[in-house]
Amino acid sequence: MLLLVVANAASRRQLVDELGRYRRDYRIETSADGERAIVRLRALRSTGVPVAMVLADLAVQPGDGVDVLARARAEVPTAKRILLLDWGLHGERVATIAARATSQGVVDTVLTKPSGPRDEEFHGTITEELGEWAWSTAPTVEAIRVVVDDDARRGVEIRDLLERLGAPTGVHALESSVGQDLAAVAGPGARFPLVEVMGRTLLTDPTNRELAVAFGAVVDVAGTVFDLAIVGAGPAGLGAAVYGASEGLATLIIEREAFGGQAGTSSMIRNYLGFPRGVTGRQLARRGIIQATRFGAVLDMGRDVVGLDPGDPHRLRLSDGAVAAARAVILACGVSYRRLDVPSIEELVGAGVFYGTAASQARELEGLAAVVVGAGNSGGQAAVHLARHGVSVTLVARGPSLNDTMSAYLVTEIAGEGRIDVCTETDVVDGGGEGRLEWIELADRATGERRRIDASAMFVLIGADSRTGWLPSSIQRDEQGFVLTGADIDATRWSLSRPPFALETSVPGVFAAGDLRANGVKRVAAAAGEGAVSVPMVHRYLDH
């Protein structure tokens, strides 16, 4: 359903005509009155009709379009909310209203009504928002079907991994009709989960590497010396891959999980240059890998890099025994979220407890309670995303205020979201449930007072631990294991007459970019920028 709330009859007719191109997949309803629109949304919710989008004219009464969309958020939190303005100069008051509504998360985007035929800027935004809404709902077309038995942990992990790759994935119980059909094909004694890929390949309890093979995301590295090997396909690795491949370097990207890194799990990144309406981590990562591979970069997924032997060429040892050789290497393998170190919580990892965010979990938690642990941007994005899916969220932070660690736009949006309860100066000290998470216990850091709250899921996004233990001792790191580069390197251990390049490690020809680099800026744009900037340094190294 698309619900259009516009008071002016002529304007309403014109917009209905414009939205006609969506009639094949969406029913379009209209209302001239804000109050009646909310009553209609309430009725639709009670009957289970999914509302994809509410478009409200700023001038609609009673109240205004912002008020209508704010109330719509309470009734149908997953629906996209579009504020419509008339064509022309709006004045300072209207601009202020629109900006405030957007910053508080009341409005997903502000659009000027079409004033003529083929207003593709208008339709491009509508299509983009509907595309994002589709990812927040159960997929109507499942490219991948996963069947789980009593222990669904690995199945859910596979679904989250595949949806990060842009593959709509459904998880089905063994008792379901889909489960019974695929179990019959797999035969007796098959190991679960079962994974059917595109209706043609059936895998039993597959590893991430086997999934990568099914998607063709593997490379036979034997016998090839690449110009550039990039370890990690997060923003830094993808930035390096795009620039390296586009400038003619034979480029290999090695990623152990899914492209996008931690950023790939972000529900919405709103402060990335060039995306005024925001971009999900999944979208950014998918576009990045498509861009890099179009320039000729090759992607290898599902196996770890376990060692680096510097030389000419450098050799990367992989977890299955293979060796990748490259004349230059960029380390862009990012960081891992720090563990809570609470034994009862660790026992429930994958059964309601998750390190990082899984965007696909939100649609299963509507009407339930969830906890997000972490006061950084990732924690804020996760809390807002869950709240938009009708989840009651408790955001737990160790510090006294979110302002010290989180971007202002997220702090503002959280403050305006009635479903988010912020608990500062608080620790998670316990949790439990019958087979999966049902409750957690919080402790006030100042008083020690404890209280138990219901929680169907908890997402932990705290701190950052380096993943650099596999590197040779010749690559210098700081006390936390983050890689030193450029002027931070101990000059007495540098082997060349020239100084190291700004992003070069203590081993010539091995560079570092993104979150694993010591003294780096932990932001998506900074990581992508460092990846891009490292490529000219690679060229200068290779030219010598």
Protein backbone atom coordinates (compact mmCIF):
# COMPACT_ATOMS: atom_id res chain seq x y z
CA MET A 1 0.00 0.00 0.00
CA LEU A 2 1.08 3.57 -0.80
CA LEU A 3 -0.94 6.15 1.13
CA LEU A 4 -1.02 9.69 -0.26
CA VAL A 5 -2.19 12.44 2.09
CA VAL A 6 -2.80 15.69 0.16
CA ALA A 7 -5.58 18.22 0.83
CA ASN A 8 -5.68 20.00 -2.55
CA ALA A 9 -7.83 17.95 -4.95
CA ALA A 10 -5.96 18.98 -8.14
CA SER A 11 -2.60 18.28 -6.58
CA ARG A 12 -3.86 14.96 -5.27
CA ARG A 13 -5.08 13.88 -8.71
CA GLN A 14 -1.77 14.84 -10.30
CA LEU A 15 0.20 12.84 -7.74
CA VAL A 16 -2.05 9.81 -8.12
CA ASP A 17 -1.38 9.99 -11.85
CA GLU A 18 2.39 10.25 -11.22
CA LEU A 19 2.32 7.23 -8.90
CA GLY A 20 0.41 5.21 -11.48
CA ARG A 21 3.58 3.51 -12.68
CA TYR A 22 3.70 1.60 -9.34
CA ARG A 23 0.17 0.16 -9.57
CA ARG A 24 1.32 -3.26 -10.70
CA ASP A 25 2.91 -3.94 -7.30
CA TYR A 26 1.28 -1.44 -4.94
CA ARG A 27 -2.26 -0.33 -4.17
CA ILE A 28 -2.56 3.46 -3.97
CA GLU A 29 -4.97 5.09 -1.56
CA THR A 30 -5.50 8.78 -0.90
CA SER A 31 -6.76 10.97 1.90
CA ALA A 32 -7.46 14.70 2.00
CA ASP A 33 -7.42 14.79 5.80
CA GLY A 34 -4.56 13.98 8.17
CA GLU A 35 -6.79 12.59 10.91
CA ARG A 36 -8.59 10.24 8.55
CA ALA A 37 -5.25 9.09 7.17
CA ILE A 38 -4.13 7.99 10.63
CA VAL A 39 -7.42 6.16 11.21
CA ARG A 40 -6.89 4.38 7.88
CA LEU A 41 -3.31 3.40 8.81
CA ARG A 42 -4.58 2.00 12.09
CA ALA A 43 -7.13 -0.10 10.22
CA LEU A 44 -4.54 -1.35 7.75
CA ARG A 45 -2.23 -2.35 10.58
CA SER A 46 -5.00 -4.28 12.34
CA THR A 47 -5.77 -6.26 9.18
CA GLY A 48 -2.12 -6.97 8.40
CA VAL A 49 -1.92 -5.01 5.15
CA PRO A 50 1.71 -3.90 4.69
CA VAL A 51 2.11 -0.16 4.16
CA ALA A 52 5.25 0.56 2.16
CA MET A 53 5.09 4.36 2.09
CA VAL A 54 3.18 7.35 3.41
CA LEU A 55 3.49 10.57 1.40
CA ALA A 56 2.11 13.66 3.14
CA ASP A 57 1.82 17.24 1.88
CA LEU A 58 3.25 19.76 4.34
CA ALA A 59 0.05 21.81 3.94
CA VAL A 60 -2.35 18.99 4.90
CA GLN A 61 -4.63 19.61 7.90
CA PRO A 62 -5.17 19.17 10.81
CA GLY A 63 -1.66 19.88 12.03
CA ASP A 64 0.62 19.58 9.03
CA GLY A 65 2.40 16.91 7.01
CA VAL A 66 5.15 16.55 9.59
CA ASP A 67 2.57 15.86 12.30
CA VAL A 68 0.85 13.27 10.08
CA LEU A 69 4.15 11.51 9.39
CA ALA A 70 5.12 11.57 13.07
CA ARG A 71 1.86 9.83 13.93
CA ALA A 72 2.30 7.46 10.98
CA ARG A 73 5.65 6.42 12.45
CA ALA A 74 3.82 5.18 15.56
CA GLU A 75 1.21 3.28 13.54
CA VAL A 76 3.37 1.74 10.80
CA PRO A 77 7.02 2.21 11.85
CA THR A 78 8.46 0.25 8.91
CA ALA A 79 6.75 2.41 6.26
CA LYS A 80 8.85 4.99 4.45
CA ARG A 81 7.76 8.54 5.23
CA ILE A 82 7.94 11.22 2.52
CA LEU A 83 7.23 14.91 3.14
CA LEU A 84 5.93 16.66 0.00
CA LEU A 85 6.54 20.34 -0.73
CA ASP A 86 5.16 22.53 -3.50
CA TRP A 87 7.48 23.55 -6.31
CA GLY A 88 9.34 26.83 -5.92
CA LEU A 89 11.10 28.73 -3.16
CA HIS A 90 9.87 27.55 0.24
CA GLY A 91 11.22 30.22 2.54
CA GLU A 92 13.22 29.90 5.72
CA ARG A 93 10.32 28.63 7.84
CA VAL A 94 9.51 25.69 5.56
CA ALA A 95 13.20 24.83 5.15
CA THR A 96 13.63 24.82 8.93
CA ILE A 97 10.59 22.60 9.46
CA ALA A 98 11.76 20.11 6.82
CA ALA A 99 15.33 20.01 8.14
CA ARG A 100 14.19 19.48 11.72
CA ALA A 101 11.78 16.70 10.75
CA THR A 102 14.50 14.92 8.82
CA SER A 103 17.13 15.25 11.54
CA GLN A 104 14.73 13.86 14.14
CA GLY A 105 13.92 10.84 12.00
CA VAL A 106 10.26 11.78 11.59
CA VAL A 107 10.74 12.04 7.82
CA ASP A 108 12.86 9.76 5.64
CA THR A 109 13.14 12.27 2.83
CA VAL A 110 11.71 15.56 1.59
CA LEU A 111 10.52 15.76 -2.03
CA THR A 112 9.19 18.53 -4.22
CA LYS A 113 5.99 17.52 -5.99
CA PRO A 114 6.44 16.80 -9.71
CA SER A 115 5.57 19.81 -11.85
CA GLY A 116 5.77 18.18 -15.27
CA PRO A 117 6.10 14.83 -17.06
CA ARG A 118 8.98 12.43 -16.47
CA ASP A 119 10.19 13.90 -13.21
CA GLU A 120 12.75 11.12 -12.81
CA GLU A 121 14.42 12.80 -9.83
CA PHE A 122 11.13 12.35 -7.97
CA HIS A 123 10.68 8.77 -9.15
CA GLY A 124 14.31 7.87 -8.54
CA THR A 125 13.86 8.76 -4.88
CA ILE A 126 10.53 6.92 -4.61
CA THR A 127 12.03 3.81 -6.19
CA GLU A 128 15.10 3.95 -3.95
CA GLU A 129 12.99 4.26 -0.81
CA LEU A 130 10.69 1.42 -1.89
CA GLY A 131 13.73 -0.72 -2.60
CA GLU A 132 15.01 -0.12 0.90
CA TRP A 133 11.58 -0.81 2.38
CA ALA A 134 11.54 -4.16 0.57
CA TRP A 135 14.70 -5.20 2.44
CA SER A 136 12.99 -4.46 5.76
CA THR A 137 10.22 -6.98 5.05
CA ALA A 138 10.25 -10.71 4.50
CA PRO A 139 11.43 -11.32 0.90
CA THR A 140 8.64 -12.13 -1.55
CA VAL A 141 11.15 -13.83 -3.83
CA GLU A 142 13.75 -15.94 -2.05
CA ALA A 143 16.89 -16.39 -4.08
CA ILE A 144 18.24 -18.54 -1.26
CA ARG A 145 16.22 -20.86 0.99
CA VAL A 146 17.72 -22.05 4.27
CA VAL A 147 16.23 -24.92 6.25
CA VAL A 148 17.11 -25.23 9.95
CA ASP A 149 16.48 -27.92 12.53
CA ASP A 150 16.15 -27.31 16.27
CA ASP A 151 19.37 -25.25 16.41
CA ALA A 152 18.79 -22.33 14.03
CA ARG A 153 21.95 -20.38 14.93
CA ARG A 154 24.02 -21.26 11.88
CA GLY A 155 21.02 -20.83 9.59
CA VAL A 156 20.41 -17.30 10.85
CA GLU A 157 24.13 -16.55 10.49
CA ILE A 158 24.03 -17.75 6.87
CA ARG A 159 20.96 -15.63 6.13
CA ASP A 160 22.61 -12.51 7.54
CA LEU A 161 25.77 -13.20 5.56
CA LEU A 162 23.88 -13.74 2.29
CA GLU A 163 21.65 -10.69 2.71
CA ARG A 164 24.81 -8.62 3.11
CA LEU A 165 25.74 -9.98 -0.32
CA GLY A 166 22.41 -8.74 -1.68
CA ALA A 167 20.76 -12.16 -1.94
CA PRO A 168 17.16 -12.24 -0.59
CA THR A 169 17.14 -15.18 1.80
CA GLY A 170 14.40 -16.99 3.67
CA VAL A 171 14.87 -19.23 6.71
CA HIS A 172 12.42 -22.13 7.08
CA ALA A 173 11.89 -24.63 9.89
CA LEU A 174 12.35 -28.31 9.10
CA GLU A 175 8.65 -28.87 9.88
CA SER A 176 7.52 -26.39 7.21
CA SER A 177 6.51 -27.44 3.70
CA VAL A 178 9.71 -25.90 2.29
CA GLY A 179 11.73 -27.68 4.96
CA GLN A 180 10.15 -31.05 4.22
CA ASP A 181 10.61 -30.65 0.46
CA LEU A 182 14.30 -29.78 0.69
CA ALA A 183 14.97 -32.40 3.36
CA ALA A 184 13.52 -35.02 1.02
CA VAL A 185 15.90 -33.89 -1.73
CA ALA A 186 18.87 -33.91 0.67
CA GLY A 187 18.04 -37.43 1.80
CA PRO A 188 18.28 -39.15 5.19
CA GLY A 189 21.20 -38.26 7.42
CA ALA A 190 21.74 -34.85 5.80
CA ARG A 191 23.44 -32.28 8.02
CA PHE A 192 21.66 -29.01 8.75
CA PRO A 193 21.25 -26.26 7.83
CA LEU A 194 20.33 -26.96 4.22
CA VAL A 195 20.93 -24.13 1.77
CA GLU A 196 19.26 -24.09 -1.65
CA VAL A 197 20.93 -21.60 -4.01
CA MET A 198 18.85 -20.20 -6.87
CA GLY A 199 16.75 -23.37 -7.04
CA ARG A 200 19.62 -25.34 -8.56
CA THR A 201 22.24 -26.14 -5.88
CA LEU A 202 21.55 -27.74 -2.50
CA LEU A 203 24.28 -27.47 0.13
CA THR A 204 24.31 -29.30 3.48
CA ASP A 205 25.77 -27.47 6.48
CA PRO A 206 27.99 -25.37 4.20
CA THR A 207 31.02 -23.39 5.30
CA ASN A 208 31.36 -19.77 4.25
CA ARG A 209 33.86 -20.93 1.66
CA GLU A 210 31.36 -23.37 0.16
CA LEU A 211 28.81 -20.56 -0.02
CA ALA A 212 31.38 -18.39 -1.79
CA VAL A 213 31.99 -21.18 -4.31
CA ALA A 214 28.24 -21.40 -4.99
CA PHE A 215 28.20 -17.68 -5.77
CA GLY A 216 31.37 -17.79 -7.87
CA ALA A 217 33.21 -15.47 -5.47
CA VAL A 218 36.45 -17.48 -5.45
CA VAL A 219 39.79 -17.18 -7.19
CA ASP A 220 42.46 -19.78 -7.99
CA VAL A 221 45.47 -17.80 -6.83
CA ALA A 222 48.06 -20.47 -7.72
CA GLY A 223 50.49 -19.45 -10.44
CA THR A 224 49.48 -15.77 -10.49
CA VAL A 225 51.44 -12.81 -9.17
CA PHE A 226 49.05 -9.89 -8.66
CA ASP A 227 50.16 -6.29 -8.74
CA LEU A 228 48.10 -5.61 -5.63
CA ALA A 229 46.48 -7.83 -3.01
CA ILE A 230 44.00 -6.22 -0.62
CA VAL A 231 43.18 -7.98 2.65
CA GLY A 232 39.61 -7.03 3.59
CA ALA A 233 36.63 -5.77 1.59
CA GLY A 234 35.35 -3.09 3.94
CA PRO A 235 35.24 0.57 2.91
CA ALA A 236 39.06 0.87 2.97
CA GLY A 237 39.58 -2.28 0.93
CA LEU A 238 36.86 -1.41 -1.57
CA GLY A 239 38.20 2.14 -1.94
CA ALA A 240 41.64 0.71 -2.70
CA ALA A 241 40.21 -1.89 -5.08
CA VAL A 242 38.26 0.64 -7.14
CA TYR A 243 41.26 2.92 -7.60
CA GLY A 244 43.78 0.11 -8.02
CA ALA A 245 41.79 -1.77 -10.66
CA SER A 246 40.70 1.39 -12.47
CA GLU A 247 44.34 2.40 -12.85
CA GLY A 248 45.36 -0.88 -14.43
CA LEU A 249 46.72 -2.83 -11.46
CA ALA A 250 45.93 -6.56 -11.40
CA THR A 251 44.00 -6.43 -8.14
CA LEU A 252 42.95 -9.24 -5.79
CA ILE A 253 40.55 -8.66 -2.86
CA ILE A 254 40.52 -11.29 -0.11
CA GLU A 255 37.58 -11.20 2.33
CA ARG A 256 36.89 -13.82 5.00
CA GLU A 257 33.18 -13.01 5.51
CA ALA A 258 31.11 -10.60 3.39
CA PHE A 259 32.13 -7.42 1.65
CA GLY A 260 31.41 -4.22 3.53
CA GLY A 261 33.18 -5.09 6.78
CA GLN A 262 31.57 -3.64 9.91
CA ALA A 263 30.13 -0.82 7.81
CA GLY A 264 28.32 -3.43 5.72
CA THR A 265 26.11 -4.27 8.71
CA SER A 266 25.10 -0.64 9.31
CA SER A 267 21.37 -0.10 8.90
CA MET A 268 21.77 3.48 7.65
CA ILE A 269 24.79 5.77 7.19
CA ARG A 270 23.49 9.32 6.91
CA ASN A 271 26.73 11.33 6.91
CA TYR A 272 28.46 9.80 3.89
CA LEU A 273 29.22 12.33 1.17
CA GLY A 274 26.93 12.12 -1.85
CA PHE A 275 24.03 10.32 -0.16
CA PRO A 276 21.79 13.06 1.25
CA ARG A 277 19.05 10.56 2.14
CA GLY A 278 21.57 8.17 3.66
CA VAL A 279 22.81 4.81 2.44
CA THR A 280 22.69 1.41 4.10
CA GLY A 281 25.93 -0.41 4.67
CA ARG A 282 24.65 -3.20 2.43
CA GLN A 283 23.99 -0.78 -0.44
CA LEU A 284 27.35 0.96 -0.08
CA ALA A 285 29.26 -2.31 0.05
CA ARG A 286 27.39 -3.89 -2.86
CA ARG A 287 27.87 -0.84 -5.07
CA GLY A 288 31.55 -0.75 -4.12
CA ILE A 289 32.20 -4.37 -5.04
CA ILE A 290 30.30 -4.05 -8.32
CA GLN A 291 32.33 -0.94 -9.15
CA ALA A 292 35.65 -2.64 -8.30
CA THR A 293 34.90 -5.82 -10.26
CA ARG A 294 33.74 -3.84 -13.31
CA PHE A 295 37.22 -2.35 -13.41
CA GLY A 296 38.69 -5.85 -13.31
CA ALA A 297 39.37 -6.53 -9.62
CA VAL A 298 38.79 -10.16 -8.59
CA LEU A 299 37.17 -11.16 -5.28
CA ASP A 300 37.99 -14.18 -3.14
CA MET A 301 35.66 -14.85 -0.21
CA GLY A 302 35.28 -17.31 2.61
CA ARG A 303 38.86 -17.95 3.68
CA ASP A 304 41.17 -16.17 6.10
CA VAL A 305 44.61 -14.76 5.55
CA VAL A 306 46.65 -16.48 8.27
CA GLY A 307 50.15 -15.26 7.48
CA LEU A 308 52.26 -12.80 5.48
CA ASP A 309 55.74 -13.58 4.23
CA PRO A 310 57.37 -10.33 3.02
CA GLY A 311 59.48 -10.56 -0.09
CA ASP A 312 59.51 -9.98 -3.80
CA PRO A 313 56.69 -10.75 -4.26
CA HIS A 314 54.96 -10.73 -0.90
CA ARG A 315 53.14 -13.96 -0.11
CA LEU A 316 49.83 -14.24 1.75
CA ARG A 317 49.14 -17.64 3.32
CA LEU A 318 45.43 -18.55 3.31
CA SER A 319 43.50 -20.70 5.77
CA ASP A 320 43.08 -23.61 3.34
CA GLY A 321 46.81 -23.79 2.56
CA ALA A 322 46.74 -21.74 -0.64
CA VAL A 323 49.23 -18.91 -1.15
CA ALA A 324 48.50 -15.61 -2.92
CA ALA A 325 51.46 -13.65 -4.28
CA ALA A 326 51.45 -9.91 -4.92
CA ARG A 327 54.02 -7.20 -5.58
CA ALA A 328 52.23 -4.89 -3.12
CA VAL A 329 49.77 -5.50 -0.29
CA ILE A 330 47.21 -3.25 1.38
CA LEU A 331 46.04 -4.35 4.83
CA ALA A 332 42.41 -3.28 5.20
CA CYS A 333 41.02 -6.05 7.39
CA GLY A 334 39.45 -3.72 9.94
CA VAL A 335 38.70 -4.57 13.54
CA SER A 336 36.41 -6.80 15.60
CA TYR A 337 33.86 -5.70 18.19
CA ARG A 338 35.09 -6.21 21.74
CA ARG A 339 33.46 -9.02 23.73
CA LEU A 340 31.36 -8.35 26.81
CA ASP A 341 33.17 -11.07 28.75
CA VAL A 342 30.01 -12.16 30.57
CA PRO A 343 29.89 -16.00 30.50
CA SER A 344 26.09 -16.27 30.53
CA ILE A 345 25.90 -13.87 27.58
CA GLU A 346 28.61 -15.67 25.59
CA GLU A 347 26.64 -18.93 25.84
CA LEU A 348 23.78 -17.29 23.92
CA VAL A 349 25.77 -15.85 21.01
CA GLY A 350 23.71 -16.59 17.90
CA ALA A 351 20.64 -17.34 20.02
CA GLY A 352 19.54 -13.77 20.60
CA VAL A 353 22.98 -12.31 21.28
CA PHE A 354 24.88 -10.82 18.33
CA TYR A 355 28.21 -9.04 18.01
CA GLY A 356 27.57 -6.38 15.42
CA THR A 357 24.22 -5.64 13.83
CA ALA A 358 22.15 -7.94 11.68
CA ALA A 359 19.70 -5.75 9.77
CA SER A 360 17.54 -8.72 8.84
CA GLN A 361 16.85 -9.43 12.53
CA ALA A 362 14.80 -6.26 12.92
CA ARG A 363 11.76 -7.53 11.00
CA GLU A 364 11.51 -10.50 13.38
CA LEU A 365 11.54 -8.33 16.51
CA GLU A 366 8.56 -6.06 15.82
CA GLY A 367 6.60 -5.58 19.02
CA LEU A 368 9.39 -7.09 21.14
CA ALA A 369 12.21 -5.66 23.24
CA ALA A 370 15.85 -5.47 22.19
CA VAL A 371 19.05 -4.12 23.72
CA VAL A 372 21.86 -2.34 21.91
CA VAL A 373 25.17 -2.07 23.76
CA GLY A 374 27.47 0.67 22.51
CA ALA A 375 27.53 4.46 22.33
CA GLY A 376 29.28 4.87 18.99
CA ASN A 377 27.68 5.56 15.62
CA SER A 378 27.16 1.85 14.96
CA GLY A 379 25.21 1.51 18.19
CA GLY A 380 23.13 4.59 17.42
CA GLN A 381 22.35 3.40 13.89
CA ALA A 382 21.32 -0.01 15.19
CA ALA A 383 19.01 1.50 17.84
CA VAL A 384 17.29 3.80 15.34
CA HIS A 385 16.90 0.97 12.81
CA LEU A 386 15.31 -1.36 15.35
CA ALA A 387 12.98 1.35 16.64
CA ARG A 388 11.79 2.02 13.09
CA HIS A 389 10.68 -1.59 12.96
CA GLY A 390 8.46 -1.24 16.00
CA VAL A 391 11.02 -2.64 18.44
CA SER A 392 11.31 -1.29 21.98
CA VAL A 393 15.03 -0.55 22.35
CA THR A 394 17.23 -0.06 25.39
CA LEU A 395 20.52 1.59 24.41
CA VAL A 396 23.20 0.83 27.00
CA ALA A 397 26.27 3.06 27.26
CA ARG A 398 29.17 2.93 29.72
CA GLY A 399 29.84 6.68 29.55
CA PRO A 400 27.83 9.55 31.01
CA SER A 401 26.58 10.90 27.67
CA LEU A 402 26.13 9.89 24.04
CA ASN A 403 27.40 13.28 22.88
CA ASP A 404 31.04 12.37 23.49
CA THR A 405 31.07 9.32 21.21
CA MET A 406 28.20 9.60 18.74
CA SER A 407 27.50 11.95 15.83
CA ALA A 408 25.10 14.76 16.66
CA TYR A 409 22.55 13.75 14.00
CA LEU A 410 22.15 10.35 15.65
CA VAL A 411 21.89 11.80 19.16
CA THR A 412 19.11 14.09 17.91
CA GLU A 413 17.28 11.26 16.17
CA ILE A 414 17.48 9.02 19.24
CA ALA A 415 16.14 11.80 21.45
CA GLY A 416 13.11 12.15 19.18
CA GLU A 417 12.39 8.42 18.99
CA GLY A 418 9.93 7.34 21.67
CA ARG A 419 10.85 3.66 21.41
CA ILE A 420 14.47 4.15 22.54
CA ASP A 421 15.38 4.25 26.24
CA VAL A 422 18.97 5.41 26.82
CA CYS A 423 20.79 4.04 29.87
CA THR A 424 24.12 5.81 30.42
CA GLU A 425 26.79 4.80 32.96
CA THR A 426 25.46 1.26 32.78
CA ASP A 427 26.95 -2.21 32.27
CA VAL A 428 25.41 -5.48 31.12
CA VAL A 429 26.32 -8.00 33.83
CA ASP A 430 24.11 -11.03 33.19
CA GLY A 431 21.57 -12.54 30.83
CA GLY A 432 19.68 -15.74 30.23
CA GLY A 433 16.68 -17.61 28.90
CA GLU A 434 15.44 -21.05 27.89
CA GLY A 435 17.66 -21.84 24.95
CA ARG A 436 17.83 -18.25 23.77
CA LEU A 437 18.02 -14.74 25.22
CA GLU A 438 14.95 -13.67 27.20
CA TRP A 439 16.34 -11.20 29.74
CA ILE A 440 19.43 -9.25 30.67
CA GLU A 441 20.60 -7.67 33.90
CA LEU A 442 21.95 -4.12 34.01
CA ALA A 443 24.14 -2.55 36.67
CA ASP A 444 24.48 1.17 37.41
CA ARG A 445 28.21 1.97 37.32
CA ALA A 446 27.90 4.62 40.03
CA THR A 447 25.62 2.92 42.57
CA GLY A 448 26.00 -0.76 41.67
CA GLU A 449 22.21 -1.09 41.64
CA ARG A 450 20.99 -3.92 39.41
CA ARG A 451 17.79 -4.42 37.48
CA ARG A 452 16.51 -7.06 35.09
CA ILE A 453 14.75 -6.21 31.81
CA ASP A 454 13.13 -8.30 29.09
CA ALA A 455 15.16 -8.70 25.92
CA SER A 456 14.48 -10.90 22.91
CA ALA A 457 17.76 -9.85 21.28
CA MET A 458 20.92 -7.96 22.14
CA PHE A 459 23.35 -6.38 19.70
CA VAL A 460 26.82 -5.61 21.08
CA LEU A 461 28.85 -2.89 19.35
CA ILE A 462 31.54 -1.85 21.81
CA GLY A 463 35.13 -0.86 21.26
CA ALA A 464 37.42 -2.32 18.65
CA ASP A 465 40.01 -5.08 18.87
CA SER A 466 42.67 -5.32 16.19
CA ARG A 467 42.87 -8.45 14.07
CA THR A 468 46.58 -8.33 13.39
CA GLY A 469 47.98 -11.32 15.30
CA TRP A 470 48.69 -13.09 12.01
CA LEU A 471 51.12 -10.40 10.83
CA PRO A 472 54.89 -10.96 11.03
CA SER A 473 56.87 -9.21 13.76
CA SER A 474 58.55 -7.06 11.11
CA ILE A 475 55.30 -5.08 10.79
CA GLN A 476 55.28 -2.68 13.72
CA ARG A 477 52.14 -2.25 15.81
CA ASP A 478 51.16 -0.21 18.84
CA GLU A 479 50.29 -1.63 22.27
CA GLN A 480 46.73 -2.45 21.14
CA GLY A 481 47.92 -4.24 18.01
CA PHE A 482 47.03 -1.49 15.52
CA VAL A 483 49.45 -1.14 12.60
CA LEU A 484 51.90 1.78 12.57
CA THR A 485 52.45 3.61 9.30
CA GLY A 486 54.48 6.50 7.87
CA ALA A 487 56.06 8.84 10.41
CA ASP A 488 54.88 6.65 13.32
CA ILE A 489 57.28 3.86 12.33
CA ASP A 490 60.50 3.41 14.31
CA ALA A 491 63.02 4.80 11.83
CA THR A 492 65.78 2.53 13.11
CA ARG A 493 63.83 -0.46 11.78
CA TRP A 494 63.15 1.00 8.32
CA SER A 495 65.25 -0.73 5.62
CA LEU A 496 65.23 1.76 2.72
CA SER A 497 67.02 5.06 2.11
CA ARG A 498 63.74 6.82 1.26
CA PRO A 499 61.28 7.52 4.08
CA PRO A 500 58.15 5.36 4.25
CA PHE A 501 55.07 6.64 2.47
CA ALA A 502 52.32 8.01 4.71
CA LEU A 503 50.27 4.78 4.70
CA GLU A 504 53.18 2.36 4.33
CA THR A 505 53.98 -0.05 7.14
CA SER A 506 57.45 -0.90 8.42
CA VAL A 507 57.71 -3.48 5.59
CA PRO A 508 58.23 -1.71 2.23
CA GLY A 509 55.39 -2.42 -0.18
CA VAL A 510 52.92 -3.35 2.54
CA PHE A 511 50.41 -0.60 3.27
CA ALA A 512 47.58 -0.19 5.81
CA ALA A 513 44.29 1.68 5.53
CA GLY A 514 41.14 2.00 7.58
CA ASP A 515 40.34 0.99 11.13
CA LEU A 516 43.29 -1.33 11.71
CA ARG A 517 45.74 1.55 11.20
CA ALA A 518 47.01 3.18 14.37
CA ASN A 519 45.81 6.77 14.90
CA GLY A 520 43.27 6.42 12.11
CA VAL A 521 39.87 8.13 12.00
CA LYS A 522 37.19 5.53 12.69
CA ARG A 523 34.67 6.68 10.08
CA VAL A 524 33.41 5.07 6.87
CA ALA A 525 34.38 8.01 4.65
CA ALA A 526 37.85 8.20 6.19
CA ALA A 527 38.43 4.48 5.60
CA ALA A 528 37.30 4.69 1.96
CA GLY A 529 39.49 7.76 1.49
CA GLU A 530 42.54 6.07 2.98
CA GLY A 531 42.00 3.09 0.69
CA ALA A 532 41.89 5.37 -2.34
CA VAL A 533 44.87 7.46 -1.21
CA SER A 534 47.00 4.36 -0.66
CA VAL A 535 46.89 3.43 -4.36
CA PRO A 536 49.11 6.31 -5.63
CA MET A 537 51.63 5.25 -2.96
CA VAL A 538 51.45 1.69 -4.28
CA HIS A 539 52.18 3.04 -7.78
CA ARG A 540 55.20 4.97 -6.51
CA TYR A 541 56.47 1.86 -4.73
CA LEU A 542 56.02 -0.34 -7.82
CA ASP A 543 57.67 2.24 -10.08
CA HIS A 544 60.92 2.19 -8.09
